[in-house]
Amino acid sequence: MSASLPQASAKSEMFEVVLRFLPDWVQFTVLALIVLALVASWAVKITRKIAYRRAVRTGRPVHAAAQYGQGRGADFLGQYAPQQTPAPPRQESGADFLGAYAPQRREGDSASA
C-alpha cells in the first residue's frame, strides 16, 4: 500500500459504487446535475452579494445578521406583532390558570376567601 495516494472517504466510495452500476447516460446526467447545482448555488451567492453591495451603496435598509443590542425578532414584526395591553395589577393564584376547569363562583361565596 502506497502512502502517497490519498484514500477516499466512505461516502465517496459508496457514491462511486452506486454510479458504477448505473448506465453511462445516467452517470453523466447525475454528475451534470451535481455540477449544475454547485454552479447555481455560486450564482445565487454572487447575486445576493451584489444586491447587498448595491443596497449599501444607495443607502437602502439592508437585512443583515443581528448585532449585539440591535433588538430581537419581535421588534420587527410590524402589524403582526402581538398587541401589548396593560394588565391590571392583581395577585394571581393557581385557579387563575385553570381556565374552563376552574370552579365556578356562586352568589353565596365570598370574594376574599
PDB file of N, CA and C in Angstrom:
ATOM      1  N   MET A   1       0.849  -1.175   0.000  1.00  0.00           N
ATOM      2  CA  MET A   1       0.000   0.000   0.000  1.00  0.00           C
ATOM      3  C   MET A   1       0.889   1.230   0.000  1.00  0.00           C
ATOM      4  N   SER A   2       0.641   2.111  -0.915  1.00  0.00           N
ATOM      5  CA  SER A   2       1.461   3.301  -1.047  1.00  0.00           C
ATOM      6  C   SER A   2       0.914   4.412  -0.167  1.00  0.00           C
ATOM      7  N   ALA A   3       1.812   5.107   0.531  1.00  0.00           N
ATOM      8  CA  ALA A   3       1.389   6.189   1.418  1.00  0.00           C
ATOM      9  C   ALA A   3       1.156   7.480   0.651  1.00  0.00           C
ATOM     10  N   SER A   4       1.548   7.547  -0.614  1.00  0.00           N
ATOM     11  CA  SER A   4       1.413   8.794  -1.363  1.00  0.00           C
ATOM     12  C   SER A   4       0.009   8.976  -1.949  1.00  0.00           C
ATOM     13  N   LEU A   5      -0.776   7.895  -2.038  1.00  0.00           N
ATOM     14  CA  LEU A   5      -2.122   8.008  -2.593  1.00  0.00           C
ATOM     15  C   LEU A   5      -3.129   8.282  -1.477  1.00  0.00           C
ATOM     16  N   PRO A   6      -3.930   9.331  -1.619  1.00  0.00           N
ATOM     17  CA  PRO A   6      -4.938   9.609  -0.590  1.00  0.00           C
ATOM     18  C   PRO A   6      -6.071   8.594  -0.674  1.00  0.00           C
ATOM     19  N   GLN A   7      -6.570   8.200   0.457  1.00  0.00           N
ATOM     20  CA  GLN A   7      -7.684   7.258   0.495  1.00  0.00           C
ATOM     21  C   GLN A   7      -8.996   8.024   0.452  1.00  0.00           C
ATOM     22  N   ALA A   8      -9.954   7.487  -0.283  1.00  0.00           N
ATOM     23  CA  ALA A   8     -11.255   8.134  -0.395  1.00  0.00           C
ATOM     24  C   ALA A   8     -12.078   7.864   0.859  1.00  0.00           C
ATOM     25  N   SER A   9     -12.975   8.770   1.142  1.00  0.00           N
ATOM     26  CA  SER A   9     -13.838   8.579   2.295  1.00  0.00           C
ATOM     27  C   SER A   9     -14.902   7.538   1.976  1.00  0.00           C
ATOM     28  N   ALA A  10     -15.566   7.081   2.988  1.00  0.00           N
ATOM     29  CA  ALA A  10     -16.590   6.045   2.815  1.00  0.00           C
ATOM     30  C   ALA A  10     -17.749   6.562   1.965  1.00  0.00           C
ATOM     31  N   LYS A  11     -18.097   7.840   2.140  1.00  0.00           N
ATOM     32  CA  LYS A  11     -19.206   8.414   1.362  1.00  0.00           C
ATOM     33  C   LYS A  11     -18.876   8.446  -0.127  1.00  0.00           C
ATOM     34  N   SER A  12     -17.686   8.865  -0.452  1.00  0.00           N
ATOM     35  CA  SER A  12     -17.325   8.927  -1.871  1.00  0.00           C
ATOM     36  C   SER A  12     -17.209   7.539  -2.472  1.00  0.00           C
ATOM     37  N   GLU A  13     -16.751   6.566  -1.670  1.00  0.00           N
ATOM     38  CA  GLU A  13     -16.689   5.189  -2.157  1.00  0.00           C
ATOM     39  C   GLU A  13     -18.075   4.655  -2.463  1.00  0.00           C
ATOM     40  N   MET A  14     -19.040   4.917  -1.573  1.00  0.00           N
ATOM     41  CA  MET A  14     -20.412   4.465  -1.803  1.00  0.00           C
ATOM     42  C   MET A  14     -21.007   5.152  -3.028  1.00  0.00           C
ATOM     43  N   PHE A  15     -20.722   6.450  -3.182  1.00  0.00           N
ATOM     44  CA  PHE A  15     -21.217   7.193  -4.335  1.00  0.00           C
ATOM     45  C   PHE A  15     -20.679   6.590  -5.634  1.00  0.00           C
ATOM     46  N   GLU A  16     -19.410   6.282  -5.648  1.00  0.00           N
ATOM     47  CA  GLU A  16     -18.815   5.690  -6.848  1.00  0.00           C
ATOM     48  C   GLU A  16     -19.372   4.302  -7.137  1.00  0.00           C
ATOM     49  N   VAL A  17     -19.612   3.514  -6.090  1.00  0.00           N
ATOM     50  CA  VAL A  17     -20.159   2.172  -6.286  1.00  0.00           C
ATOM     51  C   VAL A  17     -21.563   2.256  -6.874  1.00  0.00           C
ATOM     52  N   VAL A  18     -22.375   3.173  -6.353  1.00  0.00           N
ATOM     53  CA  VAL A  18     -23.744   3.328  -6.880  1.00  0.00           C
ATOM     54  C   VAL A  18     -23.694   3.789  -8.325  1.00  0.00           C
ATOM     55  N   LEU A  19     -22.838   4.750  -8.622  1.00  0.00           N
ATOM     56  CA  LEU A  19     -22.744   5.250 -10.001  1.00  0.00           C
ATOM     57  C   LEU A  19     -22.217   4.190 -10.960  1.00  0.00           C
ATOM     58  N   ARG A  20     -21.343   3.314 -10.480  1.00  0.00           N
ATOM     59  CA  ARG A  20     -20.746   2.302 -11.337  1.00  0.00           C
ATOM     60  C   ARG A  20     -21.793   1.314 -11.876  1.00  0.00           C
ATOM     61  N   PHE A  21     -22.853   1.064 -11.099  1.00  0.00           N
ATOM     62  CA  PHE A  21     -23.880   0.124 -11.519  1.00  0.00           C
ATOM     63  C   PHE A  21     -24.911   0.742 -12.455  1.00  0.00           C
ATOM     64  N   LEU A  22     -24.882   2.047 -12.604  1.00  0.00           N
ATOM     65  CA  LEU A  22     -25.848   2.730 -13.473  1.00  0.00           C
ATOM     66  C   LEU A  22     -25.319   2.805 -14.895  1.00  0.00           C
ATOM     67  N   PRO A  23     -26.211   2.941 -15.879  1.00  0.00           N
ATOM     68  CA  PRO A  23     -25.743   3.125 -17.262  1.00  0.00           C
ATOM     69  C   PRO A  23     -24.972   4.436 -17.407  1.00  0.00           C
ATOM     70  N   ASP A  24     -24.188   4.529 -18.470  1.00  0.00           N
ATOM     71  CA  ASP A  24     -23.348   5.716 -18.674  1.00  0.00           C
ATOM     72  C   ASP A  24     -24.155   6.994 -18.750  1.00  0.00           C
ATOM     73  N   TRP A  25     -25.288   6.952 -19.480  1.00  0.00           N
ATOM     74  CA  TRP A  25     -26.058   8.187 -19.638  1.00  0.00           C
ATOM     75  C   TRP A  25     -26.618   8.666 -18.301  1.00  0.00           C
ATOM     76  N   VAL A  26     -26.928   7.767 -17.364  1.00  0.00           N
ATOM     77  CA  VAL A  26     -27.407   8.159 -16.036  1.00  0.00           C
ATOM     78  C   VAL A  26     -26.250   8.726 -15.217  1.00  0.00           C
ATOM     79  N   GLN A  27     -25.079   8.113 -15.362  1.00  0.00           N
ATOM     80  CA  GLN A  27     -23.907   8.625 -14.641  1.00  0.00           C
ATOM     81  C   GLN A  27     -23.616  10.060 -15.048  1.00  0.00           C
ATOM     82  N   PHE A  28     -23.609  10.314 -16.360  1.00  0.00           N
ATOM     83  CA  PHE A  28     -23.321  11.667 -16.846  1.00  0.00           C
ATOM     84  C   PHE A  28     -24.407  12.645 -16.416  1.00  0.00           C
ATOM     85  N   THR A  29     -25.658  12.207 -16.416  1.00  0.00           N
ATOM     86  CA  THR A  29     -26.763  13.081 -16.009  1.00  0.00           C
ATOM     87  C   THR A  29     -26.650  13.446 -14.533  1.00  0.00           C
ATOM     88  N   VAL A  30     -26.349  12.470 -13.690  1.00  0.00           N
ATOM     89  CA  VAL A  30     -26.214  12.723 -12.257  1.00  0.00           C
ATOM     90  C   VAL A  30     -25.050  13.672 -11.994  1.00  0.00           C
ATOM     91  N   LEU A  31     -23.930  13.413 -12.634  1.00  0.00           N
ATOM     92  CA  LEU A  31     -22.775  14.296 -12.439  1.00  0.00           C
ATOM     93  C   LEU A  31     -23.058  15.702 -12.954  1.00  0.00           C
ATOM     94  N   ALA A  32     -23.749  15.810 -14.086  1.00  0.00           N
ATOM     95  CA  ALA A  32     -24.092  17.122 -14.628  1.00  0.00           C
ATOM     96  C   ALA A  32     -25.046  17.870 -13.694  1.00  0.00           C
ATOM     97  N   LEU A  33     -26.001  17.157 -13.094  1.00  0.00           N
ATOM     98  CA  LEU A  33     -26.919  17.806 -12.150  1.00  0.00           C
ATOM     99  C   LEU A  33     -26.200  18.285 -10.900  1.00  0.00           C
ATOM    100  N   ILE A  34     -25.224  17.521 -10.435  1.00  0.00           N
ATOM    101  CA  ILE A  34     -24.448  17.944  -9.269  1.00  0.00           C
ATOM    102  C   ILE A  34     -23.644  19.203  -9.593  1.00  0.00           C
ATOM    103  N   VAL A  35     -23.006  19.214 -10.757  1.00  0.00           N
ATOM    104  CA  VAL A  35     -22.238  20.398 -11.166  1.00  0.00           C
ATOM    105  C   VAL A  35     -23.173  21.590 -11.356  1.00  0.00           C
ATOM    106  N   LEU A  36     -24.342  21.358 -11.946  1.00  0.00           N
ATOM    107  CA  LEU A  36     -25.307  22.436 -12.146  1.00  0.00           C
ATOM    108  C   LEU A  36     -25.775  23.009 -10.814  1.00  0.00           C
ATOM    109  N   ALA A  37     -26.032  22.153  -9.838  1.00  0.00           N
ATOM    110  CA  ALA A  37     -26.446  22.628  -8.518  1.00  0.00           C
ATOM    111  C   ALA A  37     -25.347  23.454  -7.861  1.00  0.00           C
ATOM    112  N   LEU A  38     -24.114  23.023  -8.025  1.00  0.00           N
ATOM    113  CA  LEU A  38     -22.990  23.765  -7.463  1.00  0.00           C
ATOM    114  C   LEU A  38     -22.847  25.137  -8.109  1.00  0.00           C
ATOM    115  N   VAL A  39     -22.935  25.184  -9.438  1.00  0.00           N
ATOM    116  CA  VAL A  39     -22.826  26.466 -10.152  1.00  0.00           C
ATOM    117  C   VAL A  39     -24.006  27.372  -9.801  1.00  0.00           C
ATOM    118  N   ALA A  40     -25.209  26.803  -9.674  1.00  0.00           N
ATOM    119  CA  ALA A  40     -26.385  27.604  -9.318  1.00  0.00           C
ATOM    120  C   ALA A  40     -26.243  28.190  -7.919  1.00  0.00           C
ATOM    121  N   SER A  41     -25.712  27.426  -6.986  1.00  0.00           N
ATOM    122  CA  SER A  41     -25.539  27.957  -5.632  1.00  0.00           C
ATOM    123  C   SER A  41     -24.517  29.087  -5.619  1.00  0.00           C
ATOM    124  N   TRP A  42     -23.458  28.946  -6.416  1.00  0.00           N
ATOM    125  CA  TRP A  42     -22.485  30.038  -6.527  1.00  0.00           C
ATOM    126  C   TRP A  42     -23.124  31.274  -7.143  1.00  0.00           C
ATOM    127  N   ALA A  43     -23.950  31.080  -8.170  1.00  0.00           N
ATOM    128  CA  ALA A  43     -24.604  32.219  -8.832  1.00  0.00           C
ATOM    129  C   ALA A  43     -25.538  32.942  -7.873  1.00  0.00           C
ATOM    130  N   VAL A  44     -26.300  32.189  -7.094  1.00  0.00           N
ATOM    131  CA  VAL A  44     -27.207  32.816  -6.122  1.00  0.00           C
ATOM    132  C   VAL A  44     -26.408  33.575  -5.074  1.00  0.00           C
ATOM    133  N   LYS A  45     -25.326  32.992  -4.626  1.00  0.00           N
ATOM    134  CA  LYS A  45     -24.484  33.647  -3.621  1.00  0.00           C
ATOM    135  C   LYS A  45     -23.913  34.955  -4.159  1.00  0.00           C
ATOM    136  N   ILE A  46     -23.436  34.929  -5.399  1.00  0.00           N
ATOM    137  CA  ILE A  46     -22.849  36.129  -6.000  1.00  0.00           C
ATOM    138  C   ILE A  46     -23.908  37.204  -6.227  1.00  0.00           C
ATOM    139  N   THR A  47     -25.113  36.814  -6.702  1.00  0.00           N
ATOM    140  CA  THR A  47     -26.164  37.817  -6.931  1.00  0.00           C
ATOM    141  C   THR A  47     -26.619  38.438  -5.617  1.00  0.00           C
ATOM    142  N   ARG A  48     -26.679  37.649  -4.554  1.00  0.00           N
ATOM    143  CA  ARG A  48     -27.046  38.221  -3.252  1.00  0.00           C
ATOM    144  C   ARG A  48     -25.984  39.183  -2.753  1.00  0.00           C
ATOM    145  N   LYS A  49     -24.719  38.837  -2.990  1.00  0.00           N
ATOM    146  CA  LYS A  49     -23.636  39.726  -2.561  1.00  0.00           C
ATOM    147  C   LYS A  49     -23.685  41.034  -3.340  1.00  0.00           C
ATOM    148  N   ILE A  50     -23.958  40.964  -4.644  1.00  0.00           N
ATOM    149  CA  ILE A  50     -24.067  42.168  -5.465  1.00  0.00           C
ATOM    150  C   ILE A  50     -25.245  43.016  -5.013  1.00  0.00           C
ATOM    151  N   ALA A  51     -26.401  42.384  -4.744  1.00  0.00           N
ATOM    152  CA  ALA A  51     -27.580  43.120  -4.280  1.00  0.00           C
ATOM    153  C   ALA A  51     -27.306  43.789  -2.940  1.00  0.00           C
ATOM    154  N   TYR A  52     -26.581  43.116  -2.066  1.00  0.00           N
ATOM    155  CA  TYR A  52     -26.237  43.691  -0.765  1.00  0.00           C
ATOM    156  C   TYR A  52     -25.357  44.918  -0.938  1.00  0.00           C
ATOM    157  N   ARG A  53     -24.342  44.805  -1.800  1.00  0.00           N
ATOM    158  CA  ARG A  53     -23.433  45.940  -2.008  1.00  0.00           C
ATOM    159  C   ARG A  53     -24.155  47.120  -2.638  1.00  0.00           C
ATOM    160  N   ARG A  54     -25.074  46.858  -3.581  1.00  0.00           N
ATOM    161  CA  ARG A  54     -25.848  47.949  -4.183  1.00  0.00           C
ATOM    162  C   ARG A  54     -26.748  48.620  -3.150  1.00  0.00           C
ATOM    163  N   ALA A  55     -27.347  47.827  -2.282  1.00  0.00           N
ATOM    164  CA  ALA A  55     -28.219  48.398  -1.254  1.00  0.00           C
ATOM    165  C   ALA A  55     -27.426  49.258  -0.285  1.00  0.00           C
ATOM    166  N   VAL A  56     -26.246  48.815   0.083  1.00  0.00           N
ATOM    167  CA  VAL A  56     -25.410  49.593   0.993  1.00  0.00           C
ATOM    168  C   VAL A  56     -24.982  50.890   0.322  1.00  0.00           C
ATOM    169  N   ARG A  57     -24.629  50.800  -0.967  1.00  0.00           N
ATOM    170  CA  ARG A  57     -24.170  51.977  -1.693  1.00  0.00           C
ATOM    171  C   ARG A  57     -25.274  53.025  -1.839  1.00  0.00           C
ATOM    172  N   THR A  58     -26.524  52.593  -2.042  1.00  0.00           N
ATOM    173  CA  THR A  58     -27.623  53.549  -2.233  1.00  0.00           C
ATOM    174  C   THR A  58     -28.261  53.974  -0.926  1.00  0.00           C
ATOM    175  N   GLY A  59     -27.880  53.361   0.173  1.00  0.00           N
ATOM    176  CA  GLY A  59     -28.397  53.769   1.470  1.00  0.00           C
ATOM    177  C   GLY A  59     -29.716  53.120   1.838  1.00  0.00           C
ATOM    178  N   ARG A  60     -30.128  52.110   1.112  1.00  0.00           N
ATOM    179  CA  ARG A  60     -31.365  51.406   1.451  1.00  0.00           C
ATOM    180  C   ARG A  60     -31.137  50.526   2.675  1.00  0.00           C
ATOM    181  N   PRO A  61     -32.217  50.233   3.418  1.00  0.00           N
ATOM    182  CA  PRO A  61     -32.050  49.327   4.562  1.00  0.00           C
ATOM    183  C   PRO A  61     -31.658  47.941   4.094  1.00  0.00           C
ATOM    184  N   VAL A  62     -30.753  47.345   4.817  1.00  0.00           N
ATOM    185  CA  VAL A  62     -30.206  46.049   4.437  1.00  0.00           C
ATOM    186  C   VAL A  62     -30.549  45.037   5.515  1.00  0.00           C
ATOM    187  N   HIS A  63     -31.024  43.876   5.074  1.00  0.00           N
ATOM    188  CA  HIS A  63     -31.278  42.789   6.025  1.00  0.00           C
ATOM    189  C   HIS A  63     -29.938  42.136   6.332  1.00  0.00           C
ATOM    190  N   ALA A  64     -29.530  42.252   7.560  1.00  0.00           N
ATOM    191  CA  ALA A  64     -28.239  41.683   7.955  1.00  0.00           C
ATOM    192  C   ALA A  64     -28.415  40.919   9.253  1.00  0.00           C
ATOM    193  N   ALA A  65     -27.408  40.200   9.632  1.00  0.00           N
ATOM    194  CA  ALA A  65     -27.456  39.467  10.887  1.00  0.00           C
ATOM    195  C   ALA A  65     -27.522  40.452  12.041  1.00  0.00           C
ATOM    196  N   ALA A  66     -28.252  40.085  13.065  1.00  0.00           N
ATOM    197  CA  ALA A  66     -28.438  40.973  14.208  1.00  0.00           C
ATOM    198  C   ALA A  66     -27.129  41.149  14.968  1.00  0.00           C
ATOM    199  N   GLN A  67     -26.848  42.371  15.311  1.00  0.00           N
ATOM    200  CA  GLN A  67     -25.676  42.674  16.109  1.00  0.00           C
ATOM    201  C   GLN A  67     -26.091  42.744  17.574  1.00  0.00           C
ATOM    202  N   TYR A  68     -25.138  42.760  18.472  1.00  0.00           N
ATOM    203  CA  TYR A  68     -25.440  42.818  19.898  1.00  0.00           C
ATOM    204  C   TYR A  68     -26.168  44.126  20.199  1.00  0.00           C
ATOM    205  N   GLY A  69     -27.276  44.040  20.912  1.00  0.00           N
ATOM    206  CA  GLY A  69     -28.027  45.227  21.301  1.00  0.00           C
ATOM    207  C   GLY A  69     -28.929  45.772  20.200  1.00  0.00           C
ATOM    208  N   GLN A  70     -29.069  45.057  19.114  1.00  0.00           N
ATOM    209  CA  GLN A  70     -29.857  45.554  17.988  1.00  0.00           C
ATOM    210  C   GLN A  70     -31.346  45.342  18.203  1.00  0.00           C
ATOM    211  N   GLY A  71     -31.722  44.482  19.074  1.00  0.00           N
ATOM    212  CA  GLY A  71     -33.131  44.183  19.292  1.00  0.00           C
ATOM    213  C   GLY A  71     -33.370  42.709  19.058  1.00  0.00           C
ATOM    214  N   ARG A  72     -34.634  42.367  19.040  1.00  0.00           N
ATOM    215  CA  ARG A  72     -34.958  40.966  18.812  1.00  0.00           C
ATOM    216  C   ARG A  72     -35.999  40.876  17.714  1.00  0.00           C
ATOM    217  N   GLY A  73     -36.308  39.674  17.293  1.00  0.00           N
ATOM    218  CA  GLY A  73     -37.203  39.472  16.161  1.00  0.00           C
ATOM    219  C   GLY A  73     -38.578  40.058  16.365  1.00  0.00           C
ATOM    220  N   ALA A  74     -39.098  40.038  17.589  1.00  0.00           N
ATOM    221  CA  ALA A  74     -40.436  40.566  17.847  1.00  0.00           C
ATOM    222  C   ALA A  74     -40.488  42.079  17.632  1.00  0.00           C
ATOM    223  N   ASP A  75     -39.362  42.767  17.662  1.00  0.00           N
ATOM    224  CA  ASP A  75     -39.346  44.205  17.451  1.00  0.00           C
ATOM    225  C   ASP A  75     -39.624  44.570  15.999  1.00  0.00           C
ATOM    226  N   PHE A  76     -39.469  43.632  15.079  1.00  0.00           N
ATOM    227  CA  PHE A  76     -39.593  43.935  13.663  1.00  0.00           C
ATOM    228  C   PHE A  76     -40.815  43.287  13.025  1.00  0.00           C
ATOM    229  N   LEU A  77     -41.787  42.844  13.831  1.00  0.00           N
ATOM    230  CA  LEU A  77     -42.960  42.183  13.283  1.00  0.00           C
ATOM    231  C   LEU A  77     -43.965  43.168  12.689  1.00  0.00           C
ATOM    232  N   GLY A  78     -43.876  44.431  13.061  1.00  0.00           N
ATOM    233  CA  GLY A  78     -44.776  45.434  12.499  1.00  0.00           C
ATOM    234  C   GLY A  78     -46.209  45.167  12.895  1.00  0.00           C
ATOM    235  N   GLN A  79     -47.109  45.114  11.900  1.00  0.00           N
ATOM    236  CA  GLN A  79     -48.528  44.940  12.185  1.00  0.00           C
ATOM    237  C   GLN A  79     -48.840  43.532  12.707  1.00  0.00           C
ATOM    238  N   TYR A  80     -47.905  42.610  12.573  1.00  0.00           N
ATOM    239  CA  TYR A  80     -48.137  41.249  13.037  1.00  0.00           C
ATOM    240  C   TYR A  80     -47.700  41.026  14.480  1.00  0.00           C
ATOM    241  N   ALA A  81     -47.138  42.045  15.100  1.00  0.00           N
ATOM    242  CA  ALA A  81     -46.700  41.918  16.480  1.00  0.00           C
ATOM    243  C   ALA A  81     -47.919  41.829  17.398  1.00  0.00           C
ATOM    244  N   PRO A  82     -47.853  41.033  18.459  1.00  0.00           N
ATOM    245  CA  PRO A  82     -48.979  40.966  19.394  1.00  0.00           C
ATOM    246  C   PRO A  82     -49.156  42.306  20.097  1.00  0.00           C
ATOM    247  N   GLN A  83     -50.398  42.684  20.273  1.00  0.00           N
ATOM    248  CA  GLN A  83     -50.695  43.961  20.910  1.00  0.00           C
ATOM    249  C   GLN A  83     -50.420  43.875  22.404  1.00  0.00           C
ATOM    250  N   GLN A  84     -49.744  44.867  22.929  1.00  0.00           N
ATOM    251  CA  GLN A  84     -49.440  44.922  24.349  1.00  0.00           C
ATOM    252  C   GLN A  84     -50.589  45.625  25.062  1.00  0.00           C
ATOM    253  N   THR A  85     -51.307  44.908  25.897  1.00  0.00           N
ATOM    254  CA  THR A  85     -52.379  45.511  26.672  1.00  0.00           C
ATOM    255  C   THR A  85     -51.960  45.517  28.128  1.00  0.00           C
ATOM    256  N   PRO A  86     -52.071  46.668  28.767  1.00  0.00           N
ATOM    257  CA  PRO A  86     -51.666  46.709  30.172  1.00  0.00           C
ATOM    258  C   PRO A  86     -52.657  45.905  31.018  1.00  0.00           C
ATOM    259  N   ALA A  87     -52.153  44.977  31.791  1.00  0.00           N
ATOM    260  CA  ALA A  87     -52.989  44.150  32.663  1.00  0.00           C
ATOM    261  C   ALA A  87     -53.108  44.829  34.019  1.00  0.00           C
ATOM    262  N   PRO A  88     -54.300  44.770  34.588  1.00  0.00           N
ATOM    263  CA  PRO A  88     -54.446  45.372  35.923  1.00  0.00           C
ATOM    264  C   PRO A  88     -53.633  44.580  36.940  1.00  0.00           C
ATOM    265  N   PRO A  89     -52.955  45.263  37.836  1.00  0.00           N
ATOM    266  CA  PRO A  89     -52.149  44.540  38.821  1.00  0.00           C
ATOM    267  C   PRO A  89     -53.057  43.784  39.795  1.00  0.00           C
ATOM    268  N   ARG A  90     -52.825  42.525  39.958  1.00  0.00           N
ATOM    269  CA  ARG A  90     -53.570  41.710  40.905  1.00  0.00           C
ATOM    270  C   ARG A  90     -52.722  40.509  41.276  1.00  0.00           C
ATOM    271  N   GLN A  91     -53.084  39.901  42.357  1.00  0.00           N
ATOM    272  CA  GLN A  91     -52.373  38.701  42.764  1.00  0.00           C
ATOM    273  C   GLN A  91     -53.050  37.507  42.129  1.00  0.00           C
ATOM    274  N   GLU A  92     -52.285  36.703  41.470  1.00  0.00           N
ATOM    275  CA  GLU A  92     -52.838  35.543  40.800  1.00  0.00           C
ATOM    276  C   GLU A  92     -52.665  34.313  41.672  1.00  0.00           C
ATOM    277  N   SER A  93     -53.585  33.401  41.511  1.00  0.00           N
ATOM    278  CA  SER A  93     -53.486  32.139  42.229  1.00  0.00           C
ATOM    279  C   SER A  93     -53.481  31.002  41.217  1.00  0.00           C
ATOM    280  N   GLY A  94     -53.363  29.795  41.686  1.00  0.00           N
ATOM    281  CA  GLY A  94     -53.355  28.653  40.796  1.00  0.00           C
ATOM    282  C   GLY A  94     -54.642  28.492  40.028  1.00  0.00           C
ATOM    283  N   ALA A  95     -55.774  28.899  40.624  1.00  0.00           N
ATOM    284  CA  ALA A  95     -57.070  28.768  39.964  1.00  0.00           C
ATOM    285  C   ALA A  95     -57.189  29.712  38.778  1.00  0.00           C
ATOM    286  N   ASP A  96     -56.373  30.764  38.719  1.00  0.00           N
ATOM    287  CA  ASP A  96     -56.444  31.700  37.598  1.00  0.00           C
ATOM    288  C   ASP A  96     -55.986  31.057  36.303  1.00  0.00           C
ATOM    289  N   PHE A  97     -55.231  29.990  36.377  1.00  0.00           N
ATOM    290  CA  PHE A  97     -54.691  29.361  35.192  1.00  0.00           C
ATOM    291  C   PHE A  97     -55.460  28.102  34.787  1.00  0.00           C
ATOM    292  N   LEU A  98     -56.550  27.813  35.483  1.00  0.00           N
ATOM    293  CA  LEU A  98     -57.300  26.606  35.179  1.00  0.00           C
ATOM    294  C   LEU A  98     -58.230  26.788  33.989  1.00  0.00           C
ATOM    295  N   GLY A  99     -58.580  28.022  33.648  1.00  0.00           N
ATOM    296  CA  GLY A  99     -59.442  28.282  32.506  1.00  0.00           C
ATOM    297  C   GLY A  99     -60.825  27.704  32.709  1.00  0.00           C
ATOM    298  N   ALA A 100     -61.288  26.894  31.762  1.00  0.00           N
ATOM    299  CA  ALA A 100     -62.627  26.311  31.822  1.00  0.00           C
ATOM    300  C   ALA A 100     -62.755  25.294  32.944  1.00  0.00           C
ATOM    301  N   TYR A 101     -61.628  24.811  33.480  1.00  0.00           N
ATOM    302  CA  TYR A 101     -61.676  23.802  34.531  1.00  0.00           C
ATOM    303  C   TYR A 101     -61.727  24.418  35.935  1.00  0.00           C
ATOM    304  N   ALA A 102     -61.701  25.738  36.028  1.00  0.00           N
ATOM    305  CA  ALA A 102     -61.752  26.398  37.324  1.00  0.00           C
ATOM    306  C   ALA A 102     -63.146  26.243  37.921  1.00  0.00           C
ATOM    307  N   PRO A 103     -63.240  26.100  39.243  1.00  0.00           N
ATOM    308  CA  PRO A 103     -64.572  26.010  39.861  1.00  0.00           C
ATOM    309  C   PRO A 103     -65.314  27.329  39.692  1.00  0.00           C
ATOM    310  N   GLN A 104     -66.610  27.242  39.433  1.00  0.00           N
ATOM    311  CA  GLN A 104     -67.426  28.442  39.225  1.00  0.00           C
ATOM    312  C   GLN A 104     -67.787  29.054  40.573  1.00  0.00           C
ATOM    313  N   ARG A 105     -67.779  30.388  40.622  1.00  0.00           N
ATOM    314  CA  ARG A 105     -68.160  31.074  41.856  1.00  0.00           C
ATOM    315  C   ARG A 105     -69.678  31.151  41.943  1.00  0.00           C
ATOM    316  N   ARG A 106     -70.175  30.968  43.151  1.00  0.00           N
ATOM    317  CA  ARG A 106     -71.615  31.071  43.395  1.00  0.00           C
ATOM    318  C   ARG A 106     -71.905  32.363  44.100  1.00  0.00           C
ATOM    319  N   GLU A 107     -73.168  32.734  44.171  1.00  0.00           N
ATOM    320  CA  GLU A 107     -73.553  34.003  44.822  1.00  0.00           C
ATOM    321  C   GLU A 107     -73.219  34.009  46.302  1.00  0.00           C
ATOM    322  N   GLY A 108     -73.282  32.891  46.950  1.00  0.00           N
ATOM    323  CA  GLY A 108     -73.041  32.825  48.394  1.00  0.00           C
ATOM    324  C   GLY A 108     -71.571  32.863  48.757  1.00  0.00           C
ATOM    325  N   ASP A 109     -70.682  32.619  47.797  1.00  0.00           N
ATOM    326  CA  ASP A 109     -69.253  32.616  48.094  1.00  0.00           C
ATOM    327  C   ASP A 109     -68.746  34.033  48.316  1.00  0.00           C
ATOM    328  N   SER A 110     -67.837  34.169  49.256  1.00  0.00           N
ATOM    329  CA  SER A 110     -67.249  35.477  49.457  1.00  0.00           C
ATOM    330  C   SER A 110     -66.088  35.673  48.503  1.00  0.00           C
ATOM    331  N   ALA A 111     -65.849  36.899  48.076  1.00  0.00           N
ATOM    332  CA  ALA A 111     -64.803  37.182  47.114  1.00  0.00           C
ATOM    333  C   ALA A 111     -63.421  37.084  47.732  1.00  0.00           C
ATOM    334  N   SER A 112     -63.317  37.266  49.045  1.00  0.00           N
ATOM    335  CA  SER A 112     -61.997  37.220  49.682  1.00  0.00           C
ATOM    336  C   SER A 112     -61.872  35.977  50.545  1.00  0.00           C
ATOM    337  N   ALA A 113     -62.058  34.839  49.961  1.00  0.00           N
ATOM    338  CA  ALA A 113     -61.977  33.595  50.729  1.00  0.00           C
ATOM    339  C   ALA A 113     -60.603  33.077  50.840  1.00  0.00           C
TER     340      ALA A 113
END
